Structure formats: C-alpha cells, structure tokens
Amino acid sequence: MYTKIRDVALKTGETVELARLTGPDLEWGPRIEHLLGHKGEPWNWQIHQCLSTPNLGLETFCHILSRAGRPIANISTFEVNGVGIFGHVFTVPEEREKGAANILNQAVMADFQARGGRALYLGTTYDSPAYHVYRKHGFESVEPRSPYMIFTKLGKPAFEKGFFAAGPATIEPLAFKHWPVLPALTMMDHPARLRVLGLGIVSASSTESGSLELIKHAADHHKPVTALVAVSNLTQAPVVLACWKPEAYFNCQVDLMDVFFAPGFDDAAVKTVKALDLPAGRKIVCYTDSAWPQKESVLQAAGFTREATLRSHLKSGDSVLDVTVWSRM
C-alpha cells in the first residue's frame, strides 16, 4: 500500500513526494525493484519476495522520494514485532547531493519510533560518511569500531536483557520470518568470537546476507533449509541458530556445523543441534573458542568429540584465540 506523507523540498528547492510503501504492493513494488535492481542476488530476490508475496511473516516498509510517479531514493526496513533490518539505502546518481538521504533517514526513524519499534540493525563501512549519517540519526556501533550498528530507544543492554529473557523455546526451520530478527542474536553482547563460521559471522556481525542465502538456496532447489532456529515462546526472539554447510573458513574438506545461542539457552541449543538433519557418511566439524566454554558442553551433549586445539588469528583482525576442533560422523 502506497501512502503519501507530504511534499518535501530538496536542497536545490525542487519539490518531490515523500511516501511510505508497505509491502506487498503490486503497483509500486516493481518500481522499487527497478530502482534497486543494481544490487544483484540474493538481494533482488529478497526485494521481490517482500514486495510481491503476502504472508511471509514479516513487515516490509519502503520510505521513498518520487517525482511524477518515479522513485528516486529509497530506504527500507524489514521487521518482525518491532525488530528488524534497516537497508537498501539508495539514491539515483543524478539526484545525489540534494539531501534526499537525510530526508529519508528522518522519515524512517520517526515512523519506526511512532509505530513502537524496538531495534533496527544495519551494516555499513566504519567511519564512512554513511556511518556518520546513521550515527546522527541514533545508530551506534555494536562493538567499538564495528561497521555493524544498532538503533534502540532503550539502549542495547536493556533491549537485549528483555528480548533474550530466559524461558521455553520452540524449534523451527529457518524461514523468512526469522530473517529480519536474527541479527539481534548474532550482534548481541556475547563472549564468543567464533559465532556462525559457515555464514561468515565472526565477532558481532550480521546474518543478513548469510541466512538469506540459505533461505534462497532452499527455495530455488525445492529442498529443506539446512538451518534451524529456536524461538523464545515469551518474546519471539531467535535464541538459537544452528546450521551446516560445506566448510570454507579453515579450508577443510568436511561439512561445517555451527550453533550460536543466547546465554541461558544451553538446553535449547542441544535440542536444536540434535534436530538438525546432518548428512550421513560425512565428517561434521564444529569450532569453539576459549572465550565461550558453554558451547563445548552443548557439543558434547549433542555427540561431538574434541579433536584438537589450535592457536589462530581470525580473519576479522581479532586477537589470537585458542580454537578447539570438534567432530562427529
């Protein structure tokens, strides 16, 4: 549904229309897809799904500036229960340097807070012009010097304490409805540095790309997704993520399984790993780091055996860690 908010003036004095598009929308959706078509896969697929497919289990909002029915700038948010991803920030080249991004940032954040939004996550380049624009509008790095950022009215510690409160959880196959909120799990304050290696998540970083690729691969090949999520019955937060795929981080010729979970959800993590449909006849490897011994207990309970410990520099530039290799057949 397309809703005009008001006419606004760019720095040049030109008047354009500010509006909010709520997906799916079969009239304006294709126009936004065309505007963002340069992004490539899996993003073009994700944008198409969110703007054309009903009942995905998430909310899609696109704040746009347009002239004569043609969108010239966009910022999107994808949300579940007031938690989600902020992204697809784009202005067509001929309309840049006119203040479009600032107008849209203000509109997005005002709308998000008016709707009772709780937390938004994004990734950018640290200390870049875009990074400082997002800081101006209330975002902050999830860790010192991190390119990953969060906005929350309560502050990150207070939000995470409530969102990840201990309680029962239900195991579900990874689906689109989990995609916008999973960054809250993997970008949380947590001792682990090795989080979900198969999705490239080391330290506090986002599942935005990696989990989407798993969802798209499953849809393209008409096969079950190779990941499970445990969702809190109390808060609907994703509290466990477990997945497997061919391992690439340490260049091993095996399958890599990983599990990451919020503190206090050890039992749910064991159940989630045991519920994974791991491939038969293949060696399955998992890594732990010395900063988070709770994961070792989960792997032991799920039938993994300690193989070796090594000292490793992480590719993200973190300090040297003691990394333990676990495996099972």
C-alpha atoms as a PDB file:
ATOM      1  CA  MET A   1       0.000   0.000   0.000  1.00  0.00           C
ATOM      2  CA  TYR A   2       1.348   3.389  -1.052  1.00  0.00           C
ATOM      3  CA  THR A   3       0.726   6.232   1.400  1.00  0.00           C
ATOM      4  CA  LYS A   4       1.798   9.772   0.607  1.00  0.00           C
ATOM      5  CA  ILE A   5       3.261  11.533   3.643  1.00  0.00           C
ATOM      6  CA  ARG A   6       3.848  15.029   2.251  1.00  0.00           C
ATOM      7  CA  ASP A   7       5.690  17.034  -0.399  1.00  0.00           C
ATOM      8  CA  VAL A   8       9.243  17.959   0.617  1.00  0.00           C
ATOM      9  CA  ALA A   9      11.882  20.298  -0.782  1.00  0.00           C
ATOM     10  CA  LEU A  10      15.365  19.120  -1.705  1.00  0.00           C
ATOM     11  CA  LYS A  11      18.396  21.354  -1.116  1.00  0.00           C
ATOM     12  CA  THR A  12      18.003  22.627  -4.665  1.00  0.00           C
ATOM     13  CA  GLY A  13      14.461  23.805  -3.952  1.00  0.00           C
ATOM     14  CA  GLU A  14      12.938  21.077  -6.116  1.00  0.00           C
ATOM     15  CA  THR A  15       9.761  19.512  -4.705  1.00  0.00           C
ATOM     16  CA  VAL A  16       9.404  15.734  -4.510  1.00  0.00           C
ATOM     17  CA  GLU A  17       6.874  13.430  -2.889  1.00  0.00           C
ATOM     18  CA  LEU A  18       7.713  11.606   0.359  1.00  0.00           C
ATOM     19  CA  ALA A  19       5.747   8.400   0.850  1.00  0.00           C
ATOM     20  CA  ARG A  20       5.747   5.082   2.705  1.00  0.00           C
ATOM     21  CA  LEU A  21       5.180   1.881   0.780  1.00  0.00           C
ATOM     22  CA  THR A  22       4.016  -1.152   2.764  1.00  0.00           C
ATOM     23  CA  GLY A  23       4.642  -4.457   1.039  1.00  0.00           C
ATOM     24  CA  PRO A  24       3.394  -6.335  -0.757  1.00  0.00           C
ATOM     25  CA  ASP A  25       2.338  -3.800  -3.387  1.00  0.00           C
ATOM     26  CA  LEU A  26       1.860  -4.916  -6.983  1.00  0.00           C
ATOM     27  CA  GLU A  27       1.765  -1.378  -8.435  1.00  0.00           C
ATOM     28  CA  TRP A  28       4.702   0.328  -6.727  1.00  0.00           C
ATOM     29  CA  GLY A  29       6.641  -2.827  -5.906  1.00  0.00           C
ATOM     30  CA  PRO A  30       8.026  -3.269  -9.447  1.00  0.00           C
ATOM     31  CA  ARG A  31       9.121   0.391  -9.464  1.00  0.00           C
ATOM     32  CA  ILE A  32      11.134  -0.151  -6.259  1.00  0.00           C
ATOM     33  CA  GLU A  33      12.572  -3.363  -7.711  1.00  0.00           C
ATOM     34  CA  HIS A  34      13.710  -1.409 -10.767  1.00  0.00           C
ATOM     35  CA  LEU A  35      15.222   1.324  -8.570  1.00  0.00           C
ATOM     36  CA  LEU A  36      17.214  -1.263  -6.581  1.00  0.00           C
ATOM     37  CA  GLY A  37      17.914  -3.657  -9.463  1.00  0.00           C
ATOM     38  CA  HIS A  38      21.648  -2.939  -9.355  1.00  0.00           C
ATOM     39  CA  LYS A  39      22.024  -4.767  -6.039  1.00  0.00           C
ATOM     40  CA  GLY A  40      22.240  -8.256  -7.568  1.00  0.00           C
ATOM     41  CA  GLU A  41      21.473 -11.540  -5.847  1.00  0.00           C
ATOM     42  CA  PRO A  42      20.296 -12.562  -3.351  1.00  0.00           C
ATOM     43  CA  TRP A  43      19.019  -9.040  -2.747  1.00  0.00           C
ATOM     44  CA  ASN A  44      16.924  -8.743  -5.920  1.00  0.00           C
ATOM     45  CA  TRP A  45      15.178 -11.980  -4.929  1.00  0.00           C
ATOM     46  CA  GLN A  46      14.648 -10.750  -1.367  1.00  0.00           C
ATOM     47  CA  ILE A  47      13.234  -7.404  -2.527  1.00  0.00           C
ATOM     48  CA  HIS A  48      10.899  -9.132  -4.983  1.00  0.00           C
ATOM     49  CA  GLN A  49       9.629 -11.555  -2.342  1.00  0.00           C
ATOM     50  CA  CYS A  50       8.979  -8.821   0.198  1.00  0.00           C
ATOM     51  CA  LEU A  51       7.216  -6.537  -2.286  1.00  0.00           C
ATOM     52  CA  SER A  52       5.129  -9.188  -4.060  1.00  0.00           C
ATOM     53  CA  THR A  53       4.454 -12.129  -1.725  1.00  0.00           C
ATOM     54  CA  PRO A  54       1.878 -11.990   1.072  1.00  0.00           C
ATOM     55  CA  ASN A  55       2.154 -13.810   4.401  1.00  0.00           C
ATOM     56  CA  LEU A  56       5.943 -14.030   4.619  1.00  0.00           C
ATOM     57  CA  GLY A  57       5.712 -13.448   8.360  1.00  0.00           C
ATOM     58  CA  LEU A  58       7.454 -10.068   8.275  1.00  0.00           C
ATOM     59  CA  GLU A  59       6.570  -6.433   7.619  1.00  0.00           C
ATOM     60  CA  THR A  60       8.115  -4.516   4.723  1.00  0.00           C
ATOM     61  CA  PHE A  61       8.322  -0.719   4.730  1.00  0.00           C
ATOM     62  CA  CYS A  62       9.925   1.354   1.969  1.00  0.00           C
ATOM     63  CA  HIS A  63      10.220   5.089   2.505  1.00  0.00           C
ATOM     64  CA  ILE A  64      10.685   6.697  -0.898  1.00  0.00           C
ATOM     65  CA  LEU A  65      11.061  10.029  -2.612  1.00  0.00           C
ATOM     66  CA  SER A  66       9.473  10.207  -6.047  1.00  0.00           C
ATOM     67  CA  ARG A  67       8.904  12.617  -8.857  1.00  0.00           C
ATOM     68  CA  ALA A  68       5.950  12.133 -11.240  1.00  0.00           C
ATOM     69  CA  GLY A  69       5.482   8.542 -10.100  1.00  0.00           C
ATOM     70  CA  ARG A  70       9.170   7.626 -10.476  1.00  0.00           C
ATOM     71  CA  PRO A  71      11.030   6.738  -7.260  1.00  0.00           C
ATOM     72  CA  ILE A  72      14.392   8.485  -6.975  1.00  0.00           C
ATOM     73  CA  ALA A  73      15.509   7.439  -3.471  1.00  0.00           C
ATOM     74  CA  ASN A  74      14.690   4.662  -1.015  1.00  0.00           C
ATOM     75  CA  ILE A  75      15.335   3.298   2.468  1.00  0.00           C
ATOM     76  CA  SER A  76      13.697   0.029   3.512  1.00  0.00           C
ATOM     77  CA  THR A  77      13.101  -1.688   6.823  1.00  0.00           C
ATOM     78  CA  PHE A  78      12.076  -5.315   7.282  1.00  0.00           C
ATOM     79  CA  GLU A  79      10.602  -6.031  10.694  1.00  0.00           C
ATOM     80  CA  VAL A  80       9.021  -8.587  12.992  1.00  0.00           C
ATOM     81  CA  ASN A  81       7.402  -7.315  16.192  1.00  0.00           C
ATOM     82  CA  GLY A  82       9.334  -4.048  16.082  1.00  0.00           C
ATOM     83  CA  VAL A  83      12.788  -5.564  15.492  1.00  0.00           C
ATOM     84  CA  GLY A  84      14.444  -5.671  12.112  1.00  0.00           C
ATOM     85  CA  ILE A  85      16.876  -4.698   9.388  1.00  0.00           C
ATOM     86  CA  PHE A  86      17.481  -1.192   8.020  1.00  0.00           C
ATOM     87  CA  GLY A  87      18.855  -1.225   4.477  1.00  0.00           C
ATOM     88  CA  HIS A  88      18.621  -0.769   0.710  1.00  0.00           C
ATOM     89  CA  VAL A  89      19.642   2.869   1.071  1.00  0.00           C
ATOM     90  CA  PHE A  90      19.909   4.265  -2.447  1.00  0.00           C
ATOM     91  CA  THR A  91      19.514   7.499  -4.388  1.00  0.00           C
ATOM     92  CA  VAL A  92      19.761   7.577  -8.179  1.00  0.00           C
ATOM     93  CA  PRO A  93      23.063   9.214  -9.218  1.00  0.00           C
ATOM     94  CA  GLU A  94      21.554  12.325 -10.810  1.00  0.00           C
ATOM     95  CA  GLU A  95      19.649  13.149  -7.587  1.00  0.00           C
ATOM     96  CA  ARG A  96      22.540  12.855  -5.129  1.00  0.00           C
ATOM     97  CA  GLU A  97      23.963  15.689  -3.018  1.00  0.00           C
ATOM     98  CA  LYS A  98      20.470  17.171  -2.699  1.00  0.00           C
ATOM     99  CA  GLY A  99      19.661  15.939   0.821  1.00  0.00           C
ATOM    100  CA  ALA A 100      17.454  13.002  -0.188  1.00  0.00           C
ATOM    101  CA  ALA A 101      19.145  10.517   2.157  1.00  0.00           C
ATOM    102  CA  ASN A 102      18.807  12.829   5.149  1.00  0.00           C
ATOM    103  CA  ILE A 103      15.100  13.394   4.453  1.00  0.00           C
ATOM    104  CA  LEU A 104      14.503   9.657   4.213  1.00  0.00           C
ATOM    105  CA  ASN A 105      16.548   8.835   7.327  1.00  0.00           C
ATOM    106  CA  GLN A 106      14.478  11.294   9.336  1.00  0.00           C
ATOM    107  CA  ALA A 107      11.217   9.879   7.955  1.00  0.00           C
ATOM    108  CA  VAL A 108      12.195   6.244   8.554  1.00  0.00           C
ATOM    109  CA  MET A 109      13.314   6.771  12.136  1.00  0.00           C
ATOM    110  CA  ALA A 110      10.298   8.932  13.028  1.00  0.00           C
ATOM    111  CA  ASP A 111       7.925   6.336  11.569  1.00  0.00           C
ATOM    112  CA  PHE A 112       9.722   3.425  13.267  1.00  0.00           C
ATOM    113  CA  GLN A 113       9.520   5.056  16.680  1.00  0.00           C
ATOM    114  CA  ALA A 114       5.894   6.146  16.170  1.00  0.00           C
ATOM    115  CA  ARG A 115       4.982   2.523  15.481  1.00  0.00           C
ATOM    116  CA  GLY A 116       6.655   1.416  18.723  1.00  0.00           C
ATOM    117  CA  GLY A 117       9.743  -0.022  17.033  1.00  0.00           C
ATOM    118  CA  ARG A 118      12.289  -1.533  19.403  1.00  0.00           C
ATOM    119  CA  ALA A 119      15.533  -2.190  17.495  1.00  0.00           C
ATOM    120  CA  LEU A 120      16.973  -1.798  13.992  1.00  0.00           C
ATOM    121  CA  TYR A 121      20.245  -3.260  12.702  1.00  0.00           C
ATOM    122  CA  LEU A 122      22.422  -2.270   9.752  1.00  0.00           C
ATOM    123  CA  GLY A 123      25.848  -2.806   8.266  1.00  0.00           C
ATOM    124  CA  THR A 124      27.984  -0.114   6.627  1.00  0.00           C
ATOM    125  CA  THR A 125      31.646   0.914   6.421  1.00  0.00           C
ATOM    126  CA  TYR A 126      33.079   2.079   9.717  1.00  0.00           C
ATOM    127  CA  ASP A 127      33.876   5.815   9.898  1.00  0.00           C
ATOM    128  CA  SER A 128      32.490   6.408   6.394  1.00  0.00           C
ATOM    129  CA  PRO A 129      30.195   9.327   5.538  1.00  0.00           C
ATOM    130  CA  ALA A 130      27.225   6.924   5.683  1.00  0.00           C
ATOM    131  CA  TYR A 131      28.331   5.693   9.109  1.00  0.00           C
ATOM    132  CA  HIS A 132      28.220   9.238  10.480  1.00  0.00           C
ATOM    133  CA  VAL A 133      24.817   9.885   8.908  1.00  0.00           C
ATOM    134  CA  TYR A 134      23.451   6.834  10.723  1.00  0.00           C
ATOM    135  CA  ARG A 135      25.059   7.974  13.984  1.00  0.00           C
ATOM    136  CA  LYS A 136      23.348  11.332  13.552  1.00  0.00           C
ATOM    137  CA  HIS A 137      20.025   9.508  13.433  1.00  0.00           C
ATOM    138  CA  GLY A 138      20.597   7.433  16.564  1.00  0.00           C
ATOM    139  CA  PHE A 139      22.536   4.339  15.472  1.00  0.00           C
ATOM    140  CA  GLU A 140      25.675   3.188  17.296  1.00  0.00           C
ATOM    141  CA  SER A 141      28.281   0.516  16.669  1.00  0.00           C
ATOM    142  CA  VAL A 142      27.500  -2.816  18.317  1.00  0.00           C
ATOM    143  CA  GLU A 143      31.175  -3.054  19.315  1.00  0.00           C
ATOM    144  CA  PRO A 144      33.987  -0.463  19.299  1.00  0.00           C
ATOM    145  CA  ARG A 145      34.972   0.434  15.709  1.00  0.00           C
ATOM    146  CA  SER A 146      32.435  -2.013  14.291  1.00  0.00           C
ATOM    147  CA  PRO A 147      30.719  -1.346  10.932  1.00  0.00           C
ATOM    148  CA  TYR A 148      27.602  -3.044  12.315  1.00  0.00           C
ATOM    149  CA  MET A 149      25.179  -0.702  14.031  1.00  0.00           C
ATOM    150  CA  ILE A 150      22.039  -0.778  16.174  1.00  0.00           C
ATOM    151  CA  PHE A 151      19.302   1.685  16.982  1.00  0.00           C
ATOM    152  CA  THR A 152      17.203   1.124  20.085  1.00  0.00           C
ATOM    153  CA  LYS A 153      15.311   3.544  22.301  1.00  0.00           C
ATOM    154  CA  LEU A 154      16.122   1.569  25.453  1.00  0.00           C
ATOM    155  CA  GLY A 155      19.854   1.166  24.864  1.00  0.00           C
ATOM    156  CA  LYS A 156      21.448  -2.083  23.724  1.00  0.00           C
ATOM    157  CA  PRO A 157      21.947  -3.730  27.190  1.00  0.00           C
ATOM    158  CA  ALA A 158      18.361  -3.074  28.294  1.00  0.00           C
ATOM    159  CA  PHE A 159      16.900  -4.227  24.986  1.00  0.00           C
ATOM    160  CA  GLU A 160      18.889  -7.464  24.972  1.00  0.00           C
ATOM    161  CA  LYS A 161      18.085  -8.232  28.607  1.00  0.00           C
ATOM    162  CA  GLY A 162      14.369  -8.152  27.838  1.00  0.00           C
ATOM    163  CA  PHE A 163      14.457  -9.639  24.349  1.00  0.00           C
ATOM    164  CA  PHE A 164      16.596 -12.622  25.334  1.00  0.00           C
ATOM    165  CA  ALA A 165      14.974 -13.277  28.719  1.00  0.00           C
ATOM    166  CA  ALA A 166      15.226 -16.928  29.740  1.00  0.00           C
ATOM    167  CA  GLY A 167      12.263 -19.172  29.023  1.00  0.00           C
ATOM    168  CA  PRO A 168      10.984 -22.025  26.849  1.00  0.00           C
ATOM    169  CA  ALA A 169      11.717 -22.052  23.123  1.00  0.00           C
ATOM    170  CA  THR A 170      10.299 -23.759  20.034  1.00  0.00           C
ATOM    171  CA  ILE A 171      12.495 -25.177  17.254  1.00  0.00           C
ATOM    172  CA  GLU A 172      11.562 -24.132  13.703  1.00  0.00           C
ATOM    173  CA  PRO A 173      13.146 -24.403  10.235  1.00  0.00           C
ATOM    174  CA  LEU A 174      14.855 -21.161   9.239  1.00  0.00           C
ATOM    175  CA  ALA A 175      12.319 -19.062   7.304  1.00  0.00           C
ATOM    176  CA  PHE A 176      11.762 -15.536   6.024  1.00  0.00           C
ATOM    177  CA  LYS A 177      10.016 -14.590   9.266  1.00  0.00           C
ATOM    178  CA  HIS A 178      13.308 -15.135  11.139  1.00  0.00           C
ATOM    179  CA  TRP A 179      15.493 -13.215   8.697  1.00  0.00           C
ATOM    180  CA  PRO A 180      14.886  -9.642   9.970  1.00  0.00           C
ATOM    181  CA  VAL A 181      15.404 -10.524  13.645  1.00  0.00           C
ATOM    182  CA  LEU A 182      18.363 -12.931  13.521  1.00  0.00           C
ATOM    183  CA  PRO A 183      20.892 -10.049  13.527  1.00  0.00           C
ATOM    184  CA  ALA A 184      19.724  -9.294  17.066  1.00  0.00           C
ATOM    185  CA  LEU A 185      21.105 -12.694  18.097  1.00  0.00           C
ATOM    186  CA  THR A 186      24.443 -12.683  16.293  1.00  0.00           C
ATOM    187  CA  MET A 187      25.143  -8.996  17.006  1.00  0.00           C
ATOM    188  CA  MET A 188      24.371  -9.224  20.718  1.00  0.00           C
ATOM    189  CA  ASP A 189      26.854  -8.606  23.545  1.00  0.00           C
ATOM    190  CA  HIS A 190      28.371 -12.059  23.947  1.00  0.00           C
ATOM    191  CA  PRO A 191      31.775 -13.533  24.865  1.00  0.00           C
ATOM    192  CA  ALA A 192      32.074 -15.759  21.773  1.00  0.00           C
ATOM    193  CA  ARG A 193      34.166 -14.553  18.851  1.00  0.00           C
ATOM    194  CA  LEU A 194      33.513 -17.596  16.637  1.00  0.00           C
ATOM    195  CA  ARG A 195      29.768 -17.310  16.173  1.00  0.00           C
ATOM    196  CA  VAL A 196      28.500 -18.834  12.906  1.00  0.00           C
ATOM    197  CA  LEU A 197      31.550 -19.506  10.750  1.00  0.00           C
ATOM    198  CA  GLY A 198      29.573 -21.106   7.928  1.00  0.00           C
ATOM    199  CA  LEU A 199      27.767 -17.795   7.419  1.00  0.00           C
ATOM    200  CA  GLY A 200      30.947 -15.747   7.871  1.00  0.00           C
ATOM    201  CA  ILE A 201      29.910 -14.450  11.282  1.00  0.00           C
ATOM    202  CA  VAL A 202      32.941 -13.792  13.454  1.00  0.00           C
ATOM    203  CA  SER A 203      32.548 -11.392  16.372  1.00  0.00           C
ATOM    204  CA  ALA A 204      29.355  -9.335  16.463  1.00  0.00           C
ATOM    205  CA  SER A 205      28.189  -9.281  12.858  1.00  0.00           C
ATOM    206  CA  SER A 206      25.039  -9.813  10.855  1.00  0.00           C
ATOM    207  CA  THR A 207      23.187 -12.819   9.471  1.00  0.00           C
ATOM    208  CA  GLU A 208      21.503 -10.521   6.951  1.00  0.00           C
ATOM    209  CA  SER A 209      23.320 -11.952   3.924  1.00  0.00           C
ATOM    210  CA  GLY A 210      24.232 -15.466   5.073  1.00  0.00           C
ATOM    211  CA  SER A 211      20.828 -16.543   6.346  1.00  0.00           C
ATOM    212  CA  LEU A 212      19.133 -15.073   3.268  1.00  0.00           C
ATOM    213  CA  GLU A 213      21.370 -17.173   1.015  1.00  0.00           C
ATOM    214  CA  LEU A 214      20.311 -20.316   2.904  1.00  0.00           C
ATOM    215  CA  ILE A 215      16.632 -19.399   2.540  1.00  0.00           C
ATOM    216  CA  LYS A 216      17.021 -18.619  -1.171  1.00  0.00           C
ATOM    217  CA  HIS A 217      19.014 -21.796  -1.853  1.00  0.00           C
ATOM    218  CA  ALA A 218      16.278 -23.884  -0.249  1.00  0.00           C
ATOM    219  CA  ALA A 219      13.578 -22.094  -2.275  1.00  0.00           C
ATOM    220  CA  ASP A 220      15.496 -22.384  -5.566  1.00  0.00           C
ATOM    221  CA  HIS A 221      16.184 -26.097  -5.121  1.00  0.00           C
ATOM    222  CA  HIS A 222      12.860 -27.047  -3.518  1.00  0.00           C
ATOM    223  CA  LYS A 223      14.600 -28.659  -0.582  1.00  0.00           C
ATOM    224  CA  PRO A 224      14.561 -28.144   3.194  1.00  0.00           C
ATOM    225  CA  VAL A 225      16.713 -25.339   4.517  1.00  0.00           C
ATOM    226  CA  THR A 226      19.886 -26.549   6.259  1.00  0.00           C
ATOM    227  CA  ALA A 227      19.292 -24.438   9.354  1.00  0.00           C
ATOM    228  CA  LEU A 228      17.085 -24.429  12.426  1.00  0.00           C
ATOM    229  CA  VAL A 229      16.117 -21.627  14.773  1.00  0.00           C
ATOM    230  CA  ALA A 230      14.859 -21.885  18.348  1.00  0.00           C
ATOM    231  CA  VAL A 231      12.419 -19.060  19.061  1.00  0.00           C
ATOM    232  CA  SER A 232      11.543 -17.844  22.548  1.00  0.00           C
ATOM    233  CA  ASN A 233       7.938 -18.567  23.449  1.00  0.00           C
ATOM    234  CA  LEU A 234       7.932 -15.472  25.675  1.00  0.00           C
ATOM    235  CA  THR A 235       9.441 -12.781  23.440  1.00  0.00           C
ATOM    236  CA  GLN A 236       9.538 -14.365  19.946  1.00  0.00           C
ATOM    237  CA  ALA A 237      13.287 -13.687  19.873  1.00  0.00           C
ATOM    238  CA  PRO A 238      15.504 -16.116  17.940  1.00  0.00           C
ATOM    239  CA  VAL A 239      17.600 -17.547  20.783  1.00  0.00           C
ATOM    240  CA  VAL A 240      19.425 -20.360  18.938  1.00  0.00           C
ATOM    241  CA  LEU A 241      20.698 -20.652  15.372  1.00  0.00           C
ATOM    242  CA  ALA A 242      22.136 -23.968  14.179  1.00  0.00           C
ATOM    243  CA  CYS A 243      23.137 -24.723  10.595  1.00  0.00           C
ATOM    244  CA  TRP A 244      25.513 -26.752   8.469  1.00  0.00           C
ATOM    245  CA  LYS A 245      27.162 -26.338   5.079  1.00  0.00           C
ATOM    246  CA  PRO A 246      30.451 -27.274   3.381  1.00  0.00           C
ATOM    247  CA  GLU A 247      33.200 -25.672   5.461  1.00  0.00           C
ATOM    248  CA  ALA A 248      35.393 -22.973   3.902  1.00  0.00           C
ATOM    249  CA  TYR A 249      36.743 -20.806   6.716  1.00  0.00           C
ATOM    250  CA  PHE A 250      39.737 -23.053   7.560  1.00  0.00           C
ATOM    251  CA  ASN A 251      39.794 -24.746   4.116  1.00  0.00           C
ATOM    252  CA  CYS A 252      38.786 -28.211   5.369  1.00  0.00           C
ATOM    253  CA  GLN A 253      37.214 -30.860   3.130  1.00  0.00           C
ATOM    254  CA  VAL A 254      34.372 -31.584   5.543  1.00  0.00           C
ATOM    255  CA  ASP A 255      30.947 -30.227   6.443  1.00  0.00           C
ATOM    256  CA  LEU A 256      30.805 -27.444   8.980  1.00  0.00           C
ATOM    257  CA  MET A 257      28.102 -27.373  11.632  1.00  0.00           C
ATOM    258  CA  ASP A 258      27.717 -24.443  13.945  1.00  0.00           C
ATOM    259  CA  VAL A 259      25.443 -23.363  16.723  1.00  0.00           C
ATOM    260  CA  PHE A 260      25.143 -19.977  18.369  1.00  0.00           C
ATOM    261  CA  PHE A 261      22.788 -19.230  21.224  1.00  0.00           C
ATOM    262  CA  ALA A 262      21.890 -16.567  23.732  1.00  0.00           C
ATOM    263  CA  PRO A 263      23.071 -17.068  27.324  1.00  0.00           C
ATOM    264  CA  GLY A 264      20.717 -19.279  29.304  1.00  0.00           C
ATOM    265  CA  PHE A 265      19.524 -21.295  26.302  1.00  0.00           C
ATOM    266  CA  ASP A 266      22.031 -24.168  26.515  1.00  0.00           C
ATOM    267  CA  ASP A 267      19.325 -26.861  26.667  1.00  0.00           C
ATOM    268  CA  ALA A 268      17.518 -25.376  23.667  1.00  0.00           C
ATOM    269  CA  ALA A 269      20.831 -25.338  21.785  1.00  0.00           C
ATOM    270  CA  VAL A 270      21.392 -29.066  22.452  1.00  0.00           C
ATOM    271  CA  LYS A 271      17.899 -29.895  21.213  1.00  0.00           C
ATOM    272  CA  THR A 272      18.343 -27.718  18.126  1.00  0.00           C
ATOM    273  CA  VAL A 273      21.634 -29.379  17.147  1.00  0.00           C
ATOM    274  CA  LYS A 274      20.145 -32.838  17.651  1.00  0.00           C
ATOM    275  CA  ALA A 275      17.205 -31.850  15.433  1.00  0.00           C
ATOM    276  CA  LEU A 276      19.455 -30.827  12.506  1.00  0.00           C
ATOM    277  CA  ASP A 277      19.263 -33.189   9.541  1.00  0.00           C
ATOM    278  CA  LEU A 278      23.029 -33.638   9.273  1.00  0.00           C
ATOM    279  CA  PRO A 279      24.295 -35.529   6.187  1.00  0.00           C
ATOM    280  CA  ALA A 280      25.034 -39.205   6.701  1.00  0.00           C
ATOM    281  CA  GLY A 281      28.505 -40.559   5.962  1.00  0.00           C
ATOM    282  CA  ARG A 282      30.197 -37.178   6.146  1.00  0.00           C
ATOM    283  CA  LYS A 283      32.505 -35.896   8.834  1.00  0.00           C
ATOM    284  CA  ILE A 284      30.900 -32.941  10.594  1.00  0.00           C
ATOM    285  CA  VAL A 285      33.212 -30.378  12.174  1.00  0.00           C
ATOM    286  CA  CYS A 286      32.460 -27.579  14.611  1.00  0.00           C
ATOM    287  CA  TYR A 287      34.768 -24.994  16.204  1.00  0.00           C
ATOM    288  CA  THR A 288      34.676 -23.404  19.635  1.00  0.00           C
ATOM    289  CA  ASP A 289      36.782 -20.639  21.118  1.00  0.00           C
ATOM    290  CA  SER A 290      38.153 -20.440  24.642  1.00  0.00           C
ATOM    291  CA  ALA A 291      36.051 -17.381  25.468  1.00  0.00           C
ATOM    292  CA  TRP A 292      32.837 -19.409  25.471  1.00  0.00           C
ATOM    293  CA  PRO A 293      33.103 -22.839  27.202  1.00  0.00           C
ATOM    294  CA  GLN A 294      29.302 -23.241  27.304  1.00  0.00           C
ATOM    295  CA  LYS A 295      29.357 -24.173  23.621  1.00  0.00           C
ATOM    296  CA  GLU A 296      31.709 -27.077  24.380  1.00  0.00           C
ATOM    297  CA  SER A 297      29.151 -28.544  26.786  1.00  0.00           C
ATOM    298  CA  VAL A 298      26.430 -28.251  24.152  1.00  0.00           C
ATOM    299  CA  LEU A 299      28.543 -30.046  21.542  1.00  0.00           C
ATOM    300  CA  GLN A 300      29.427 -32.848  23.946  1.00  0.00           C
ATOM    301  CA  ALA A 301      25.754 -33.334  24.784  1.00  0.00           C
ATOM    302  CA  ALA A 302      24.980 -33.457  21.041  1.00  0.00           C
ATOM    303  CA  GLY A 303      27.521 -36.243  20.415  1.00  0.00           C
ATOM    304  CA  PHE A 304      30.582 -34.287  19.250  1.00  0.00           C
ATOM    305  CA  THR A 305      34.111 -35.270  20.286  1.00  0.00           C
ATOM    306  CA  ARG A 306      37.062 -32.965  20.913  1.00  0.00           C
ATOM    307  CA  GLU A 307      39.795 -33.442  18.264  1.00  0.00           C
ATOM    308  CA  ALA A 308      42.447 -30.749  18.730  1.00  0.00           C
ATOM    309  CA  THR A 309      43.161 -27.221  19.927  1.00  0.00           C
ATOM    310  CA  LEU A 310      44.990 -24.652  17.826  1.00  0.00           C
ATOM    311  CA  ARG A 311      46.013 -21.014  18.075  1.00  0.00           C
ATOM    312  CA  SER A 312      44.508 -18.900  15.326  1.00  0.00           C
ATOM    313  CA  HIS A 313      44.385 -15.329  14.054  1.00  0.00           C
ATOM    314  CA  LEU A 314      40.839 -14.643  12.926  1.00  0.00           C
ATOM    315  CA  LYS A 315      40.323 -13.114   9.515  1.00  0.00           C
ATOM    316  CA  SER A 316      38.365 -10.262  11.046  1.00  0.00           C
ATOM    317  CA  GLY A 317      41.550  -8.971  12.705  1.00  0.00           C
ATOM    318  CA  ASP A 318      40.663 -10.121  16.205  1.00  0.00           C
ATOM    319  CA  SER A 319      43.434 -11.114  18.593  1.00  0.00           C
ATOM    320  CA  VAL A 320      44.757 -14.677  18.654  1.00  0.00           C
ATOM    321  CA  LEU A 321      42.294 -17.207  20.072  1.00  0.00           C
ATOM    322  CA  ASP A 322      42.532 -20.786  21.279  1.00  0.00           C
ATOM    323  CA  VAL A 323      40.241 -22.650  18.878  1.00  0.00           C
ATOM    324  CA  THR A 324      39.082 -26.212  19.587  1.00  0.00           C
ATOM    325  CA  VAL A 325      38.024 -28.543  16.791  1.00  0.00           C
ATOM    326  CA  TRP A 326      35.083 -30.877  17.456  1.00  0.00           C
ATOM    327  CA  SER A 327      33.727 -33.558  15.160  1.00  0.00           C
ATOM    328  CA  ARG A 328      31.265 -36.373  14.716  1.00  0.00           C
ATOM    329  CA  MET A 329      30.346 -38.789  11.943  1.00  0.00           C
END
